[in-house]
Amino acid sequence: MELSINGVSKKYKDKLAVNALSLELHDGIYGLLGPNGSGKTTLMRMLTTVSNPTGGSITLDGEDIFALGESYRDLLGYLPQNFGYYPNFTGRDFLMYFAALKGMTRFQAEERCDELLELTGLSHAASKKLRTYSGGMRQRIGIAQALLNDPKILILDEPTSGLDPAERVKFRNIISSLSDGRIILLSTHIVSDVEYIADRIVLMKNGSAMLNDAADSICSAIDGMVWECTVSPNVSDELAAKHVVTNLHNTHDGDGAVLRIVSEARPVENATPAEPKLEDLYLYYFRKELSDEPDKA
């Protein structure tokens, strides 16, 4: 199965949210990484046929997804960023309701709901009302809802936003277990969400894919540019003003600071080379966007 994004653009009045973007997606987990405003949500809405592109096309095995209509949506599972839920429904009732909307028989629905409650670790809370669920539990019932039809294409928009670290780990483990035989596209601005589970990472900026590479090689873009050094507090402030500092902590005696810096040239004489990480790459390429905090596209 091949989901192809062919020079896709989306314009809202005078704002170009997605700009001639091209990607080829096959089975596996794709991490779509970028700050708010980079066009991730706009792209997701087009991939789920919620919104039409203003240019280019999206095809599944060569056929336009908008022309395919229901036959395409039958293959699709979607967890939007702002996931709505019914607070007075129990977890099981919520899933049964969506199963009915998808045309499943009661027997099929009951069997599938039991499987998904088990998969997402919610069997113990199946009879509890959703208003009593934690944020992480609601996100897990959301992924269960997206999986009801056993989708071949699973699209997740900022699925761990607002979750604590332990809940994010649980969520990533669930997604990782689902990767066989599926295209999974996970949009996020949280580096750790994709660092450990994505097969391929796409860095999205200003509506375009500025980098697109396998997860284990994408950091080669900043090979030889990551440094670590220990300096005095005054020098630390000077370096932070001139360079991208991706980590800083004080020395044990409190008289200095240990910095991790991304710079094309050695920032200070005592700086030593370090192995680049995805967080270094992200902060280097998106330093302006992160400081400006633009509105989300």
Protein backbone atom coordinates (compact mmCIF):
# COMPACT_ATOMS: atom_id res chain seq x y z
CA MET A 1 0.00 0.00 0.00
CA GLU A 2 1.31 3.44 -0.94
CA LEU A 3 -0.16 6.74 0.23
CA SER A 4 1.28 9.51 -1.93
CA ILE A 5 1.19 13.22 -1.21
CA ASN A 6 1.92 14.86 -4.55
CA GLY A 7 2.85 18.55 -4.45
CA VAL A 8 -0.02 19.31 -2.08
CA SER A 9 -0.76 22.89 -1.06
CA LYS A 10 -3.43 24.44 1.12
CA LYS A 11 -4.11 28.17 1.19
CA TYR A 12 -6.39 30.05 3.56
CA LYS A 13 -6.99 33.54 2.15
CA ASP A 14 -3.47 35.01 2.17
CA LYS A 15 -1.88 32.27 4.32
CA LEU A 16 -0.16 29.28 2.71
CA ALA A 17 -0.46 26.59 5.40
CA VAL A 18 0.95 23.72 3.31
CA ASN A 19 3.31 24.50 0.45
CA ALA A 20 3.79 22.02 -2.44
CA LEU A 21 4.47 19.14 -0.04
CA SER A 22 5.40 15.72 -1.45
CA LEU A 23 5.77 12.50 0.59
CA GLU A 24 5.55 8.78 -0.07
CA LEU A 25 4.16 6.70 2.81
CA HIS A 26 4.32 2.91 3.11
CA ASP A 27 3.82 0.51 6.04
CA GLY A 28 5.52 1.76 9.19
CA ILE A 29 5.48 4.67 11.63
CA TYR A 30 6.14 8.17 10.31
CA GLY A 31 6.87 10.97 12.76
CA LEU A 32 5.73 14.35 11.49
CA LEU A 33 7.69 16.75 13.65
CA GLY A 34 7.40 20.50 13.80
CA PRO A 35 6.33 23.42 16.01
CA ASN A 36 2.81 24.80 16.10
CA GLY A 37 2.14 26.67 12.88
CA SER A 38 4.22 24.39 10.64
CA GLY A 39 1.16 22.99 8.82
CA LYS A 40 0.93 19.57 10.46
CA THR A 41 -2.75 19.74 11.42
CA THR A 42 -3.70 21.18 8.03
CA LEU A 43 -1.98 18.23 6.34
CA MET A 44 -3.74 15.76 8.65
CA ARG A 45 -7.11 17.26 7.79
CA MET A 46 -6.42 16.78 4.10
CA LEU A 47 -5.23 13.20 4.58
CA THR A 48 -8.48 12.40 6.36
CA THR A 49 -10.54 14.15 3.60
CA VAL A 50 -11.89 16.65 6.14
CA SER A 51 -10.36 19.43 4.03
CA ASN A 52 -9.58 19.62 0.30
CA PRO A 53 -6.16 20.70 -0.98
CA THR A 54 -6.00 23.85 -3.09
CA GLY A 55 -3.23 22.33 -5.18
CA GLY A 56 -1.69 18.94 -5.88
CA SER A 57 -3.23 15.55 -5.09
CA ILE A 58 -3.26 12.75 -2.51
CA THR A 59 -3.49 9.21 -3.87
CA LEU A 60 -3.75 5.70 -2.45
CA ASP A 61 -2.12 3.18 -4.78
CA GLY A 62 -2.51 5.67 -7.61
CA GLU A 63 -6.17 6.62 -6.99
CA ASP A 64 -7.26 10.00 -5.67
CA ILE A 65 -8.48 9.62 -2.07
CA PHE A 66 -11.29 12.14 -2.56
CA ALA A 67 -12.59 10.17 -5.56
CA LEU A 68 -12.34 6.93 -3.54
CA GLY A 69 -14.64 8.43 -0.89
CA GLU A 70 -16.04 5.86 1.56
CA SER A 71 -13.79 3.07 0.33
CA TYR A 72 -10.81 5.19 1.43
CA ARG A 73 -12.39 6.25 4.73
CA ASP A 74 -13.12 2.59 5.52
CA LEU A 75 -9.33 2.09 5.65
CA LEU A 76 -8.79 5.11 7.86
CA GLY A 77 -8.46 5.58 11.62
CA TYR A 78 -8.16 9.13 12.95
CA LEU A 79 -7.46 10.66 16.33
CA PRO A 80 -7.72 14.46 16.01
CA GLN A 81 -5.83 16.81 18.29
CA ASN A 82 -9.00 18.08 19.95
CA PHE A 83 -10.62 14.74 20.64
CA GLY A 84 -14.24 15.09 21.74
CA TYR A 85 -15.83 12.64 24.15
CA TYR A 86 -19.15 12.19 25.91
CA PRO A 87 -18.50 12.57 29.65
CA ASN A 88 -21.53 10.55 30.77
CA PHE A 89 -20.74 7.57 28.54
CA THR A 90 -18.79 4.68 29.99
CA GLY A 91 -15.69 3.60 28.10
CA ARG A 92 -17.51 0.58 26.71
CA ASP A 93 -20.63 2.55 25.75
CA PHE A 94 -18.47 5.10 23.97
CA LEU A 95 -16.79 2.43 21.85
CA MET A 96 -20.07 0.64 21.18
CA TYR A 97 -21.61 3.90 20.00
CA PHE A 98 -18.81 4.52 17.50
CA ALA A 99 -18.92 0.88 16.39
CA ALA A 100 -22.61 1.35 15.57
CA LEU A 101 -21.78 4.46 13.54
CA LYS A 102 -19.27 2.38 11.58
CA GLY A 103 -21.97 -0.18 10.78
CA MET A 104 -20.64 -3.04 12.90
CA THR A 105 -23.06 -5.71 14.15
CA ARG A 106 -23.55 -5.92 17.91
CA PHE A 107 -21.60 -9.19 18.09
CA GLN A 108 -18.71 -7.74 16.05
CA ALA A 109 -18.75 -4.57 18.14
CA GLU A 110 -18.71 -6.36 21.51
CA GLU A 111 -15.84 -8.59 20.44
CA ARG A 112 -13.82 -5.72 18.98
CA CYS A 113 -14.44 -3.44 21.95
CA ASP A 114 -13.20 -6.12 24.36
CA GLU A 115 -10.03 -6.52 22.25
CA LEU A 116 -9.35 -2.79 22.17
CA LEU A 117 -10.06 -2.19 25.85
CA GLU A 118 -7.51 -4.90 26.57
CA LEU A 119 -4.99 -3.49 24.09
CA THR A 120 -5.22 0.01 25.54
CA GLY A 121 -5.15 -1.16 29.16
CA LEU A 122 -8.67 0.06 29.91
CA SER A 123 -10.52 -3.19 30.63
CA HIS A 124 -10.62 -2.31 34.32
CA ALA A 125 -12.25 1.05 33.54
CA ALA A 126 -14.70 -0.12 30.84
CA SER A 127 -17.72 0.50 33.07
CA LYS A 128 -16.53 3.85 34.42
CA LYS A 129 -17.78 7.13 32.95
CA LEU A 130 -15.40 9.04 30.75
CA ARG A 131 -15.59 12.10 32.98
CA THR A 132 -13.71 10.09 35.61
CA TYR A 133 -10.90 9.17 33.19
CA SER A 134 -7.51 10.84 33.42
CA GLY A 135 -6.17 12.68 30.35
CA GLY A 136 -4.08 9.67 29.43
CA MET A 137 -7.01 7.29 29.75
CA ARG A 138 -9.13 9.52 27.50
CA GLN A 139 -6.37 9.54 24.89
CA ARG A 140 -6.23 5.75 25.07
CA ILE A 141 -10.01 5.45 24.58
CA GLY A 142 -9.48 7.80 21.63
CA ILE A 143 -6.96 5.46 20.03
CA ALA A 144 -9.32 2.55 20.71
CA GLN A 145 -12.04 4.45 18.84
CA ALA A 146 -9.67 5.08 15.92
CA LEU A 147 -8.86 1.34 15.76
CA LEU A 148 -12.43 0.00 15.73
CA ASN A 149 -12.38 -0.69 11.99
CA ASP A 150 -8.86 -2.19 12.09
CA PRO A 151 -7.58 0.64 9.86
CA LYS A 152 -4.72 0.25 7.42
CA ILE A 153 -3.98 3.98 7.70
CA LEU A 154 -3.84 5.46 11.21
CA ILE A 155 -3.49 9.23 11.59
CA LEU A 156 -2.75 10.71 15.01
CA ASP A 157 -2.61 14.48 15.50
CA GLU A 158 -0.69 15.55 18.63
CA PRO A 159 -1.86 12.41 20.48
CA THR A 160 0.19 12.95 23.65
CA SER A 161 -0.30 16.69 24.11
CA GLY A 162 -0.97 17.40 27.77
CA LEU A 163 -0.04 13.93 29.00
CA ASP A 164 2.50 13.31 31.73
CA PRO A 165 5.71 11.40 30.86
CA ALA A 166 4.43 8.04 32.12
CA GLU A 167 1.23 8.31 30.05
CA ARG A 168 3.26 9.32 26.97
CA VAL A 169 5.37 6.17 27.34
CA LYS A 170 2.21 4.02 27.57
CA PHE A 171 0.78 5.67 24.50
CA ARG A 172 3.99 5.24 22.48
CA ASN A 173 4.13 1.56 23.41
CA ILE A 174 0.59 1.05 22.10
CA ILE A 175 1.40 2.79 18.82
CA SER A 176 4.61 0.80 18.40
CA SER A 177 2.68 -2.47 18.81
CA LEU A 178 0.34 -1.51 15.97
CA SER A 179 2.90 -0.79 13.26
CA ASP A 180 2.85 -4.10 11.34
CA GLY A 181 0.84 -3.86 8.13
CA ARG A 182 -0.23 -0.26 8.71
CA ILE A 183 0.74 3.24 7.69
CA ILE A 184 0.87 5.25 10.92
CA LEU A 185 1.39 8.99 10.71
CA LEU A 186 2.00 10.64 14.07
CA SER A 187 2.08 14.44 14.16
CA THR A 188 3.71 16.06 17.16
CA HIS A 189 5.93 18.84 18.46
CA ILE A 190 7.22 16.58 21.27
CA VAL A 191 10.52 15.06 20.14
CA SER A 192 10.41 12.03 22.43
CA ASP A 193 7.06 10.96 20.91
CA VAL A 194 8.79 9.97 17.68
CA GLU A 195 12.42 9.54 18.71
CA TYR A 196 11.96 5.98 19.96
CA ILE A 197 9.21 4.57 17.72
CA ALA A 198 9.28 6.25 14.29
CA ASP A 199 10.77 4.42 11.33
CA ARG A 200 11.02 7.66 9.41
CA ILE A 201 10.91 11.30 10.51
CA VAL A 202 9.71 14.30 8.53
CA LEU A 203 10.64 17.76 9.82
CA MET A 204 7.96 20.20 8.69
CA LYS A 205 8.54 23.93 8.52
CA ASN A 206 6.41 26.65 6.93
CA GLY A 207 4.21 24.02 5.31
CA SER A 208 7.09 22.17 3.65
CA ALA A 209 9.14 19.07 4.47
CA MET A 210 12.58 20.47 5.14
CA LEU A 211 14.03 17.08 6.12
CA ASN A 212 12.72 13.57 5.43
CA ASP A 213 14.91 10.64 6.42
CA ALA A 214 15.08 7.36 8.32
CA ALA A 215 14.98 7.86 12.07
CA ASP A 216 18.44 6.35 12.57
CA SER A 217 20.11 8.67 10.05
CA ILE A 218 18.21 11.96 10.09
CA CYS A 219 20.59 13.47 12.67
CA SER A 220 23.44 13.19 10.16
CA ALA A 221 22.24 16.61 8.93
CA ILE A 222 24.06 18.14 11.91
CA ASP A 223 27.06 15.80 12.10
CA GLY A 224 30.07 17.69 13.45
CA MET A 225 27.91 20.55 14.74
CA VAL A 226 27.12 19.41 18.29
CA TRP A 227 29.48 20.38 21.11
CA GLU A 228 29.71 20.10 24.88
CA CYS A 229 31.72 22.39 27.15
CA THR A 230 32.06 23.53 30.73
CA VAL A 231 32.33 27.30 31.18
CA SER A 232 31.89 30.05 33.76
CA PRO A 233 28.41 31.61 34.25
CA ASN A 234 29.41 34.76 32.35
CA VAL A 235 30.67 32.81 29.35
CA SER A 236 27.57 30.64 29.53
CA ASP A 237 25.34 33.71 29.07
CA GLU A 238 27.45 34.89 26.12
CA LEU A 239 27.27 31.50 24.40
CA ALA A 240 23.50 31.25 24.95
CA ALA A 241 23.07 34.62 23.23
CA LYS A 242 25.11 33.57 20.19
CA HIS A 243 24.33 29.89 19.70
CA VAL A 244 21.60 27.26 19.95
CA VAL A 245 21.99 25.77 23.43
CA THR A 246 20.06 22.50 23.64
CA ASN A 247 20.96 21.68 27.25
CA LEU A 248 22.45 23.51 30.20
CA HIS A 249 23.07 22.44 33.78
CA ASN A 250 25.21 23.80 36.56
CA THR A 251 28.34 22.04 37.76
CA HIS A 252 28.26 20.34 41.16
CA ASP A 253 30.21 23.17 42.79
CA GLY A 254 27.89 25.78 41.27
CA ASP A 255 30.80 27.78 39.83
CA GLY A 256 30.17 26.87 36.20
CA ALA A 257 27.76 25.44 33.67
CA VAL A 258 27.87 22.48 31.30
CA LEU A 259 26.43 23.40 27.90
CA ARG A 260 25.36 21.40 24.88
CA ILE A 261 25.54 23.61 21.81
CA VAL A 262 24.72 23.26 18.11
CA SER A 263 27.16 25.34 16.08
CA GLU A 264 28.88 24.95 12.72
CA ALA A 265 32.18 26.01 14.30
CA ARG A 266 33.67 25.12 17.68
CA PRO A 267 32.01 27.66 20.02
CA VAL A 268 34.83 27.81 22.60
CA GLU A 269 38.31 26.36 22.73
CA ASN A 270 37.50 23.64 25.30
CA ALA A 271 34.33 22.42 23.50
CA THR A 272 34.39 18.73 22.56
CA PRO A 273 32.34 17.06 19.78
CA ALA A 274 29.18 15.18 20.82
CA GLU A 275 26.90 12.71 19.06
CA PRO A 276 23.89 14.59 17.63
CA LYS A 277 20.43 13.74 18.92
CA LEU A 278 16.99 14.43 17.49
CA GLU A 279 16.36 17.14 20.08
CA ASP A 280 19.52 18.95 18.92
CA LEU A 281 18.28 18.78 15.33
CA TYR A 282 14.81 20.01 16.26
CA LEU A 283 15.97 22.96 18.34
CA TYR A 284 18.54 23.96 15.72
CA TYR A 285 16.13 24.01 12.79
CA PHE A 286 13.17 25.49 14.65
CA ARG A 287 14.87 27.98 16.95
CA LYS A 288 13.11 30.98 15.38
CA GLU A 289 9.67 29.34 15.25
CA LEU A 290 9.93 28.21 18.87
CA SER A 291 10.86 31.68 20.07
CA ASP A 292 8.12 33.36 18.00
CA GLU A 293 5.40 30.88 19.11
CA PRO A 294 3.24 31.28 15.97
CA ASP A 295 -0.41 30.38 15.72
CA LYS A 296 -1.08 26.82 14.67
CA ALA A 297 -2.00 26.15 11.04
